[in-house]
Structure formats: structure tokens, C-alpha cells
């Protein structure tokens, strides 16, 4: 038995476009985490 959606979803982009955006943001997050790691090490903190 399937459940009926109570909220209508309006698609403004394709799944492929959305996936591309998600992957680019994931890369940015990984770079940001690495930069914070380096900064913390410069400050003498142990991670």
C-alpha cells in the first residue's frame, strides 16, 4: 500500500542538475574541513 503525498512538489530542475549541485557542495565541505584541520594544527590544537 502506498501513501498519498500531502505536499505537492514543484520541480525547478532535473534530478541530474540537483545531483551535480550536491556533489559540488560536498567537495566544498571536504575542502573546508581540511582547511580547518590545517588551521587548528597551526594553532597547536590536536585533532
Protein backbone atom coordinates (compact mmCIF):
# COMPACT_ATOMS: atom_id res chain seq x y z
CA UNK A 1 0.00 0.00 0.00
CA UNK A 2 1.41 3.41 -0.97
CA UNK A 3 0.90 6.59 0.93
CA UNK A 4 -0.54 9.66 -0.80
CA UNK A 5 1.70 12.74 -0.81
CA UNK A 6 0.10 15.60 1.10
CA UNK A 7 2.59 18.20 -0.18
CA UNK A 8 2.90 18.86 -3.89
CA UNK A 9 6.48 19.03 -5.11
CA UNK A 10 7.25 21.56 -7.83
CA UNK A 11 10.37 20.56 -9.75
CA UNK A 12 12.51 23.52 -10.76
CA UNK A 13 15.44 21.45 -12.02
CA UNK A 14 16.19 17.94 -13.14
CA UNK A 15 17.48 15.23 -10.84
CA UNK A 16 20.77 15.33 -12.76
CA UNK A 17 21.17 19.07 -12.13
CA UNK A 18 20.38 18.62 -8.45
CA UNK A 19 22.88 15.78 -8.15
CA UNK A 20 25.58 17.93 -9.77
CA UNK A 21 24.96 20.75 -7.29
CA UNK A 22 25.02 18.34 -4.34
CA UNK A 23 28.34 16.86 -5.46
CA UNK A 24 29.94 20.30 -5.88
CA UNK A 25 28.85 21.33 -2.38
CA UNK A 26 30.15 18.06 -0.92
CA UNK A 27 33.56 18.82 -2.44
CA UNK A 28 33.50 22.31 -0.93
CA UNK A 29 32.66 20.90 2.51
CA UNK A 30 35.57 18.45 2.31
CA UNK A 31 37.95 21.27 1.38
CA UNK A 32 36.60 23.42 4.21
CA UNK A 33 37.11 20.58 6.72
CA UNK A 34 40.70 20.13 5.56
CA UNK A 35 41.40 23.86 5.84
CA UNK A 36 40.01 23.91 9.39
CA UNK A 37 42.19 20.92 10.25
CA UNK A 38 45.28 22.75 8.98
CA UNK A 39 44.28 25.93 10.86
CA UNK A 40 43.80 24.02 14.11
CA UNK A 41 47.18 22.35 13.70
CA UNK A 42 48.81 25.75 13.08
CA UNK A 43 47.24 26.93 16.34
CA UNK A 44 48.70 23.93 18.14
CA UNK A 45 45.48 22.03 18.68
CA UNK A 46 45.41 18.27 18.34
CA UNK A 47 42.58 16.84 16.27
